[in-house]
Amino acid sequence: MDTVMLQFRHRGMAPGLDEVAALFGLAPGEIDATFGVIATDPAEGLYTVRIDVRGADRVRAALAQRPADPAEGLFANPPIAPFGPPED
């Protein structure tokens, strides 16, 4: 599954996967349940999920219906790996 990161603002209790799916028009299988909902900055109500790239257009449409917020959006999810062999 090709993925992107979605950061969004949510007030109140931390949302569950089902609530995030409903907010952004995603099917439950389009959100990485293993990654879960990460509290990026709970004091500011910012959360992050990893989603299937196939849902990105629906997320953009849902974000367009919300008040503009520079902290919200889709972000790349590049693989993290070493650049070469471990140093001795």
PDB file of N, CA and C in Angstrom:
ATOM      1  N   MET A   1       0.853  -1.180   0.000  1.00  0.00           N
ATOM      2  CA  MET A   1       0.000   0.000   0.000  1.00  0.00           C
ATOM      3  C   MET A   1       0.891   1.233   0.000  1.00  0.00           C
ATOM      4  N   ASP A   2       0.729   2.106  -0.999  1.00  0.00           N
ATOM      5  CA  ASP A   2       1.410   3.397  -1.018  1.00  0.00           C
ATOM      6  C   ASP A   2       0.666   4.304  -0.060  1.00  0.00           C
ATOM      7  N   THR A   3       1.402   5.000   0.794  1.00  0.00           N
ATOM      8  CA  THR A   3       0.767   5.800   1.837  1.00  0.00           C
ATOM      9  C   THR A   3       1.248   7.241   1.846  1.00  0.00           C
ATOM     10  N   VAL A   4       0.423   8.095   2.426  1.00  0.00           N
ATOM     11  CA  VAL A   4       0.771   9.470   2.747  1.00  0.00           C
ATOM     12  C   VAL A   4       0.315   9.724   4.175  1.00  0.00           C
ATOM     13  N   MET A   5       0.864  10.758   4.760  1.00  0.00           N
ATOM     14  CA  MET A   5       0.492  11.131   6.118  1.00  0.00           C
ATOM     15  C   MET A   5      -0.561  12.231   6.052  1.00  0.00           C
ATOM     16  N   LEU A   6      -1.557  12.131   6.911  1.00  0.00           N
ATOM     17  CA  LEU A   6      -2.586  13.155   7.039  1.00  0.00           C
ATOM     18  C   LEU A   6      -2.498  13.727   8.442  1.00  0.00           C
ATOM     19  N   GLN A   7      -2.225  15.017   8.526  1.00  0.00           N
ATOM     20  CA  GLN A   7      -2.277  15.705   9.813  1.00  0.00           C
ATOM     21  C   GLN A   7      -3.518  16.585   9.808  1.00  0.00           C
ATOM     22  N   PHE A   8      -4.254  16.545  10.908  1.00  0.00           N
ATOM     23  CA  PHE A   8      -5.505  17.295  10.994  1.00  0.00           C
ATOM     24  C   PHE A   8      -5.715  17.771  12.427  1.00  0.00           C
ATOM     25  N   ARG A   9      -6.580  18.764  12.548  1.00  0.00           N
ATOM     26  CA  ARG A   9      -6.917  19.316  13.860  1.00  0.00           C
ATOM     27  C   ARG A   9      -8.262  18.732  14.287  1.00  0.00           C
ATOM     28  N   HIS A  10      -8.345  18.352  15.564  1.00  0.00           N
ATOM     29  CA  HIS A  10      -9.580  17.792  16.113  1.00  0.00           C
ATOM     30  C   HIS A  10      -9.728  18.268  17.550  1.00  0.00           C
ATOM     31  N   ARG A  11     -10.861  18.839  17.853  1.00  0.00           N
ATOM     32  CA  ARG A  11     -11.130  19.321  19.219  1.00  0.00           C
ATOM     33  C   ARG A  11     -11.817  18.231  20.027  1.00  0.00           C
ATOM     34  N   GLY A  12     -11.621  18.248  21.317  1.00  0.00           N
ATOM     35  CA  GLY A  12     -12.248  17.259  22.192  1.00  0.00           C
ATOM     36  C   GLY A  12     -11.362  16.040  22.357  1.00  0.00           C
ATOM     37  N   MET A  13     -12.002  14.932  22.673  1.00  0.00           N
ATOM     38  CA  MET A  13     -11.292  13.672  22.886  1.00  0.00           C
ATOM     39  C   MET A  13     -10.562  13.250  21.611  1.00  0.00           C
ATOM     40  N   ALA A  14      -9.478  12.519  21.782  1.00  0.00           N
ATOM     41  CA  ALA A  14      -8.730  12.013  20.622  1.00  0.00           C
ATOM     42  C   ALA A  14      -9.657  11.138  19.783  1.00  0.00           C
ATOM     43  N   PRO A  15      -9.656  11.334  18.460  1.00  0.00           N
ATOM     44  CA  PRO A  15     -10.542  10.545  17.606  1.00  0.00           C
ATOM     45  C   PRO A  15     -10.021   9.126  17.408  1.00  0.00           C
ATOM     46  N   GLY A  16     -10.927   8.206  17.196  1.00  0.00           N
ATOM     47  CA  GLY A  16     -10.559   6.843  16.836  1.00  0.00           C
ATOM     48  C   GLY A  16     -10.489   6.714  15.329  1.00  0.00           C
ATOM     49  N   LEU A  17     -10.060   5.567  14.856  1.00  0.00           N
ATOM     50  CA  LEU A  17      -9.933   5.340  13.421  1.00  0.00           C
ATOM     51  C   LEU A  17     -11.258   5.496  12.692  1.00  0.00           C
ATOM     52  N   ASP A  18     -12.347   4.992  13.282  1.00  0.00           N
ATOM     53  CA  ASP A  18     -13.661   5.106  12.632  1.00  0.00           C
ATOM     54  C   ASP A  18     -14.079   6.562  12.480  1.00  0.00           C
ATOM     55  N   GLU A  19     -13.812   7.370  13.497  1.00  0.00           N
ATOM     56  CA  GLU A  19     -14.181   8.783  13.429  1.00  0.00           C
ATOM     57  C   GLU A  19     -13.357   9.511  12.367  1.00  0.00           C
ATOM     58  N   VAL A  20     -12.067   9.207  12.289  1.00  0.00           N
ATOM     59  CA  VAL A  20     -11.209   9.825  11.268  1.00  0.00           C
ATOM     60  C   VAL A  20     -11.699   9.434   9.872  1.00  0.00           C
ATOM     61  N   ALA A  21     -12.032   8.160   9.698  1.00  0.00           N
ATOM     62  CA  ALA A  21     -12.539   7.695   8.405  1.00  0.00           C
ATOM     63  C   ALA A  21     -13.799   8.462   8.016  1.00  0.00           C
ATOM     64  N   ALA A  22     -14.700   8.654   8.960  1.00  0.00           N
ATOM     65  CA  ALA A  22     -15.946   9.374   8.678  1.00  0.00           C
ATOM     66  C   ALA A  22     -15.676  10.847   8.372  1.00  0.00           C
ATOM     67  N   LEU A  23     -14.757  11.472   9.094  1.00  0.00           N
ATOM     68  CA  LEU A  23     -14.446  12.887   8.874  1.00  0.00           C
ATOM     69  C   LEU A  23     -13.906  13.157   7.475  1.00  0.00           C
ATOM     70  N   PHE A  24     -13.145  12.203   6.932  1.00  0.00           N
ATOM     71  CA  PHE A  24     -12.440  12.446   5.677  1.00  0.00           C
ATOM     72  C   PHE A  24     -12.910  11.565   4.526  1.00  0.00           C
ATOM     73  N   GLY A  25     -14.019  10.870   4.699  1.00  0.00           N
ATOM     74  CA  GLY A  25     -14.582  10.074   3.611  1.00  0.00           C
ATOM     75  C   GLY A  25     -13.750   8.876   3.225  1.00  0.00           C
ATOM     76  N   LEU A  26     -13.088   8.268   4.189  1.00  0.00           N
ATOM     77  CA  LEU A  26     -12.228   7.122   3.924  1.00  0.00           C
ATOM     78  C   LEU A  26     -12.900   5.825   4.362  1.00  0.00           C
ATOM     79  N   ALA A  27     -12.599   4.761   3.663  1.00  0.00           N
ATOM     80  CA  ALA A  27     -13.025   3.431   4.098  1.00  0.00           C
ATOM     81  C   ALA A  27     -12.105   3.008   5.240  1.00  0.00           C
ATOM     82  N   PRO A  28     -12.606   2.218   6.183  1.00  0.00           N
ATOM     83  CA  PRO A  28     -11.752   1.806   7.310  1.00  0.00           C
ATOM     84  C   PRO A  28     -10.427   1.191   6.867  1.00  0.00           C
ATOM     85  N   GLY A  29     -10.412   0.448   5.775  1.00  0.00           N
ATOM     86  CA  GLY A  29      -9.173  -0.163   5.293  1.00  0.00           C
ATOM     87  C   GLY A  29      -8.195   0.804   4.661  1.00  0.00           C
ATOM     88  N   GLU A  30      -8.606   2.055   4.455  1.00  0.00           N
ATOM     89  CA  GLU A  30      -7.709   3.043   3.849  1.00  0.00           C
ATOM     90  C   GLU A  30      -6.879   3.792   4.893  1.00  0.00           C
ATOM     91  N   ILE A  31      -7.104   3.490   6.154  1.00  0.00           N
ATOM     92  CA  ILE A  31      -6.293   4.070   7.233  1.00  0.00           C
ATOM     93  C   ILE A  31      -5.470   2.940   7.835  1.00  0.00           C
ATOM     94  N   ASP A  32      -4.186   3.168   8.006  1.00  0.00           N
ATOM     95  CA  ASP A  32      -3.295   2.154   8.566  1.00  0.00           C
ATOM     96  C   ASP A  32      -3.609   1.967  10.051  1.00  0.00           C
ATOM     97  N   ALA A  33      -4.297   0.875  10.370  1.00  0.00           N
ATOM     98  CA  ALA A  33      -4.699   0.611  11.755  1.00  0.00           C
ATOM     99  C   ALA A  33      -3.498   0.300  12.644  1.00  0.00           C
ATOM    100  N   THR A  34      -2.447  -0.250  12.072  1.00  0.00           N
ATOM    101  CA  THR A  34      -1.245  -0.544  12.855  1.00  0.00           C
ATOM    102  C   THR A  34      -0.571   0.751  13.301  1.00  0.00           C
ATOM    103  N   PHE A  35      -0.542   1.739  12.425  1.00  0.00           N
ATOM    104  CA  PHE A  35       0.025   3.051  12.758  1.00  0.00           C
ATOM    105  C   PHE A  35      -0.874   3.760  13.767  1.00  0.00           C
ATOM    106  N   GLY A  36      -2.194   3.662  13.554  1.00  0.00           N
ATOM    107  CA  GLY A  36      -3.166   4.258  14.472  1.00  0.00           C
ATOM    108  C   GLY A  36      -3.283   5.759  14.298  1.00  0.00           C
ATOM    109  N   VAL A  37      -3.872   6.382  15.312  1.00  0.00           N
ATOM    110  CA  VAL A  37      -4.013   7.836  15.360  1.00  0.00           C
ATOM    111  C   VAL A  37      -2.958   8.342  16.336  1.00  0.00           C
ATOM    112  N   ILE A  38      -2.028   9.125  15.832  1.00  0.00           N
ATOM    113  CA  ILE A  38      -0.921   9.641  16.647  1.00  0.00           C
ATOM    114  C   ILE A  38      -1.237  11.074  17.063  1.00  0.00           C
ATOM    115  N   ALA A  39      -1.105  11.348  18.343  1.00  0.00           N
ATOM    116  CA  ALA A  39      -1.288  12.710  18.848  1.00  0.00           C
ATOM    117  C   ALA A  39      -0.012  13.493  18.547  1.00  0.00           C
ATOM    118  N   THR A  40      -0.003  14.216  17.433  1.00  0.00           N
ATOM    119  CA  THR A  40       1.163  14.998  17.020  1.00  0.00           C
ATOM    120  C   THR A  40       1.423  16.114  18.025  1.00  0.00           C
ATOM    121  N   ASP A  41       0.369  16.821  18.402  1.00  0.00           N
ATOM    122  CA  ASP A  41       0.436  17.883  19.412  1.00  0.00           C
ATOM    123  C   ASP A  41      -0.939  17.945  20.087  1.00  0.00           C
ATOM    124  N   PRO A  42      -1.165  17.100  21.087  1.00  0.00           N
ATOM    125  CA  PRO A  42      -2.501  17.029  21.698  1.00  0.00           C
ATOM    126  C   PRO A  42      -2.956  18.344  22.323  1.00  0.00           C
ATOM    127  N   ALA A  43      -2.038  19.160  22.804  1.00  0.00           N
ATOM    128  CA  ALA A  43      -2.426  20.448  23.386  1.00  0.00           C
ATOM    129  C   ALA A  43      -3.049  21.357  22.328  1.00  0.00           C
ATOM    130  N   GLU A  44      -2.626  21.199  21.081  1.00  0.00           N
ATOM    131  CA  GLU A  44      -3.154  21.985  19.962  1.00  0.00           C
ATOM    132  C   GLU A  44      -4.221  21.230  19.182  1.00  0.00           C
ATOM    133  N   GLY A  45      -4.509  20.001  19.598  1.00  0.00           N
ATOM    134  CA  GLY A  45      -5.516  19.204  18.914  1.00  0.00           C
ATOM    135  C   GLY A  45      -5.068  18.699  17.555  1.00  0.00           C
ATOM    136  N   LEU A  46      -3.775  18.439  17.385  1.00  0.00           N
ATOM    137  CA  LEU A  46      -3.247  17.943  16.113  1.00  0.00           C
ATOM    138  C   LEU A  46      -2.985  16.444  16.189  1.00  0.00           C
ATOM    139  N   TYR A  47      -3.462  15.735  15.177  1.00  0.00           N
ATOM    140  CA  TYR A  47      -3.328  14.285  15.107  1.00  0.00           C
ATOM    141  C   TYR A  47      -2.863  13.891  13.715  1.00  0.00           C
ATOM    142  N   THR A  48      -2.231  12.734  13.622  1.00  0.00           N
ATOM    143  CA  THR A  48      -1.725  12.239  12.356  1.00  0.00           C
ATOM    144  C   THR A  48      -2.130  10.782  12.171  1.00  0.00           C
ATOM    145  N   VAL A  49      -2.511  10.447  10.942  1.00  0.00           N
ATOM    146  CA  VAL A  49      -2.765   9.070  10.544  1.00  0.00           C
ATOM    147  C   VAL A  49      -2.026   8.817   9.233  1.00  0.00           C
ATOM    148  N   ARG A  50      -1.814   7.553   8.949  1.00  0.00           N
ATOM    149  CA  ARG A  50      -1.215   7.165   7.663  1.00  0.00           C
ATOM    150  C   ARG A  50      -2.337   6.564   6.835  1.00  0.00           C
ATOM    151  N   ILE A  51      -2.517   7.101   5.606  1.00  0.00           N
ATOM    152  CA  ILE A  51      -3.619   6.646   4.771  1.00  0.00           C
ATOM    153  C   ILE A  51      -3.124   6.111   3.435  1.00  0.00           C
ATOM    154  N   ASP A  52      -3.948   5.298   2.823  1.00  0.00           N
ATOM    155  CA  ASP A  52      -3.684   4.803   1.476  1.00  0.00           C
ATOM    156  C   ASP A  52      -3.778   5.988   0.521  1.00  0.00           C
ATOM    157  N   VAL A  53      -2.822   6.103  -0.374  1.00  0.00           N
ATOM    158  CA  VAL A  53      -2.768   7.234  -1.312  1.00  0.00           C
ATOM    159  C   VAL A  53      -4.035   7.309  -2.171  1.00  0.00           C
ATOM    160  N   ARG A  54      -4.744   6.193  -2.344  1.00  0.00           N
ATOM    161  CA  ARG A  54      -5.970   6.205  -3.150  1.00  0.00           C
ATOM    162  C   ARG A  54      -7.068   7.063  -2.509  1.00  0.00           C
ATOM    163  N   GLY A  55      -6.981   7.333  -1.224  1.00  0.00           N
ATOM    164  CA  GLY A  55      -7.974   8.173  -0.563  1.00  0.00           C
ATOM    165  C   GLY A  55      -7.599   9.645  -0.517  1.00  0.00           C
ATOM    166  N   ALA A  56      -6.462  10.015  -1.077  1.00  0.00           N
ATOM    167  CA  ALA A  56      -5.947  11.382  -0.967  1.00  0.00           C
ATOM    168  C   ALA A  56      -6.895  12.424  -1.557  1.00  0.00           C
ATOM    169  N   ASP A  57      -7.512  12.136  -2.685  1.00  0.00           N
ATOM    170  CA  ASP A  57      -8.416  13.121  -3.300  1.00  0.00           C
ATOM    171  C   ASP A  57      -9.633  13.380  -2.414  1.00  0.00           C
ATOM    172  N   ARG A  58     -10.156  12.331  -1.780  1.00  0.00           N
ATOM    173  CA  ARG A  58     -11.298  12.518  -0.875  1.00  0.00           C
ATOM    174  C   ARG A  58     -10.900  13.327   0.349  1.00  0.00           C
ATOM    175  N   VAL A  59      -9.692  13.101   0.832  1.00  0.00           N
ATOM    176  CA  VAL A  59      -9.199  13.872   1.976  1.00  0.00           C
ATOM    177  C   VAL A  59      -9.041  15.337   1.588  1.00  0.00           C
ATOM    178  N   ARG A  60      -8.471  15.611   0.421  1.00  0.00           N
ATOM    179  CA  ARG A  60      -8.323  17.001  -0.036  1.00  0.00           C
ATOM    180  C   ARG A  60      -9.685  17.678  -0.129  1.00  0.00           C
ATOM    181  N   ALA A  61     -10.682  16.969  -0.642  1.00  0.00           N
ATOM    182  CA  ALA A  61     -12.032  17.531  -0.753  1.00  0.00           C
ATOM    183  C   ALA A  61     -12.607  17.816   0.632  1.00  0.00           C
ATOM    184  N   ALA A  62     -12.401  16.921   1.583  1.00  0.00           N
ATOM    185  CA  ALA A  62     -12.900  17.137   2.945  1.00  0.00           C
ATOM    186  C   ALA A  62     -12.179  18.306   3.609  1.00  0.00           C
ATOM    187  N   LEU A  63     -10.870  18.412   3.398  1.00  0.00           N
ATOM    188  CA  LEU A  63     -10.116  19.528   3.975  1.00  0.00           C
ATOM    189  C   LEU A  63     -10.563  20.857   3.381  1.00  0.00           C
ATOM    190  N   ALA A  64     -10.950  20.858   2.118  1.00  0.00           N
ATOM    191  CA  ALA A  64     -11.402  22.089   1.465  1.00  0.00           C
ATOM    192  C   ALA A  64     -12.704  22.602   2.069  1.00  0.00           C
ATOM    193  N   GLN A  65     -13.457  21.732   2.729  1.00  0.00           N
ATOM    194  CA  GLN A  65     -14.720  22.119   3.369  1.00  0.00           C
ATOM    195  C   GLN A  65     -14.517  22.651   4.782  1.00  0.00           C
ATOM    196  N   ARG A  66     -13.297  22.523   5.288  1.00  0.00           N
ATOM    197  CA  ARG A  66     -12.973  22.973   6.649  1.00  0.00           C
ATOM    198  C   ARG A  66     -12.323  24.361   6.577  1.00  0.00           C
ATOM    199  N   PRO A  67     -12.357  25.105   7.687  1.00  0.00           N
ATOM    200  CA  PRO A  67     -11.613  26.376   7.692  1.00  0.00           C
ATOM    201  C   PRO A  67     -10.128  26.115   7.400  1.00  0.00           C
ATOM    202  N   ALA A  68      -9.515  26.988   6.618  1.00  0.00           N
ATOM    203  CA  ALA A  68      -8.104  26.811   6.264  1.00  0.00           C
ATOM    204  C   ALA A  68      -7.239  26.779   7.518  1.00  0.00           C
ATOM    205  N   ASP A  69      -6.332  25.823   7.561  1.00  0.00           N
ATOM    206  CA  ASP A  69      -5.436  25.657   8.707  1.00  0.00           C
ATOM    207  C   ASP A  69      -4.093  25.177   8.157  1.00  0.00           C
ATOM    208  N   PRO A  70      -3.027  25.972   8.311  1.00  0.00           N
ATOM    209  CA  PRO A  70      -1.734  25.583   7.734  1.00  0.00           C
ATOM    210  C   PRO A  70      -1.155  24.303   8.329  1.00  0.00           C
ATOM    211  N   ALA A  71      -1.646  23.879   9.487  1.00  0.00           N
ATOM    212  CA  ALA A  71      -1.139  22.653  10.099  1.00  0.00           C
ATOM    213  C   ALA A  71      -1.796  21.408   9.523  1.00  0.00           C
ATOM    214  N   GLU A  72      -2.917  21.567   8.810  1.00  0.00           N
ATOM    215  CA  GLU A  72      -3.627  20.418   8.263  1.00  0.00           C
ATOM    216  C   GLU A  72      -3.173  20.144   6.836  1.00  0.00           C
ATOM    217  N   GLY A  73      -3.149  18.872   6.475  1.00  0.00           N
ATOM    218  CA  GLY A  73      -2.858  18.528   5.094  1.00  0.00           C
ATOM    219  C   GLY A  73      -2.255  17.157   4.953  1.00  0.00           C
ATOM    220  N   LEU A  74      -1.944  16.844   3.708  1.00  0.00           N
ATOM    221  CA  LEU A  74      -1.303  15.589   3.354  1.00  0.00           C
ATOM    222  C   LEU A  74       0.194  15.832   3.207  1.00  0.00           C
ATOM    223  N   PHE A  75       0.964  14.884   3.690  1.00  0.00           N
ATOM    224  CA  PHE A  75       2.411  15.003   3.664  1.00  0.00           C
ATOM    225  C   PHE A  75       3.017  13.691   3.172  1.00  0.00           C
ATOM    226  N   ALA A  76       4.173  13.781   2.567  1.00  0.00           N
ATOM    227  CA  ALA A  76       4.865  12.601   2.062  1.00  0.00           C
ATOM    228  C   ALA A  76       5.199  11.644   3.199  1.00  0.00           C
ATOM    229  N   ASN A  77       5.335  10.387   2.856  1.00  0.00           N
ATOM    230  CA  ASN A  77       5.702   9.357   3.821  1.00  0.00           C
ATOM    231  C   ASN A  77       6.868   8.550   3.239  1.00  0.00           C
ATOM    232  N   PRO A  78       8.046   9.188   3.139  1.00  0.00           N
ATOM    233  CA  PRO A  78       9.175   8.487   2.523  1.00  0.00           C
ATOM    234  C   PRO A  78       9.682   7.361   3.431  1.00  0.00           C
ATOM    235  N   PRO A  79      10.233   6.317   2.829  1.00  0.00           N
ATOM    236  CA  PRO A  79      10.797   5.248   3.653  1.00  0.00           C
ATOM    237  C   PRO A  79      12.020   5.767   4.418  1.00  0.00           C
ATOM    238  N   ILE A  80      12.192   5.254   5.595  1.00  0.00           N
ATOM    239  CA  ILE A  80      13.346   5.634   6.414  1.00  0.00           C
ATOM    240  C   ILE A  80      14.296   4.441   6.438  1.00  0.00           C
ATOM    241  N   ALA A  81      15.508   4.656   5.955  1.00  0.00           N
ATOM    242  CA  ALA A  81      16.489   3.587   5.881  1.00  0.00           C
ATOM    243  C   ALA A  81      17.876   4.202   5.938  1.00  0.00           C
ATOM    244  N   PRO A  82      18.866   3.422   6.330  1.00  0.00           N
ATOM    245  CA  PRO A  82      20.227   3.958   6.346  1.00  0.00           C
ATOM    246  C   PRO A  82      20.714   4.260   4.939  1.00  0.00           C
ATOM    247  N   PHE A  83      21.653   5.182   4.837  1.00  0.00           N
ATOM    248  CA  PHE A  83      22.211   5.574   3.547  1.00  0.00           C
ATOM    249  C   PHE A  83      23.256   4.577   3.053  1.00  0.00           C
ATOM    250  N   GLY A  84      23.782   3.777   3.920  1.00  0.00           N
ATOM    251  CA  GLY A  84      24.814   2.828   3.527  1.00  0.00           C
ATOM    252  C   GLY A  84      25.038   1.835   4.647  1.00  0.00           C
ATOM    253  N   PRO A  85      26.103   1.059   4.552  1.00  0.00           N
ATOM    254  CA  PRO A  85      26.368   0.064   5.602  1.00  0.00           C
ATOM    255  C   PRO A  85      26.701   0.756   6.926  1.00  0.00           C
ATOM    256  N   PRO A  86      26.419   0.089   8.033  1.00  0.00           N
ATOM    257  CA  PRO A  86      26.755   0.678   9.346  1.00  0.00           C
ATOM    258  C   PRO A  86      28.252   0.934   9.459  1.00  0.00           C
ATOM    259  N   GLU A  87      28.573   2.007  10.155  1.00  0.00           N
ATOM    260  CA  GLU A  87      29.981   2.335  10.376  1.00  0.00           C
ATOM    261  C   GLU A  87      30.506   1.503  11.535  1.00  0.00           C
ATOM    262  N   ASP A  88      31.762   1.117  11.432  1.00  0.00           N
ATOM    263  CA  ASP A  88      32.385   0.341  12.533  1.00  0.00           C
ATOM    264  C   ASP A  88      32.862   1.233  13.616  1.00  0.00           C
TER     265      ASP A  88
END
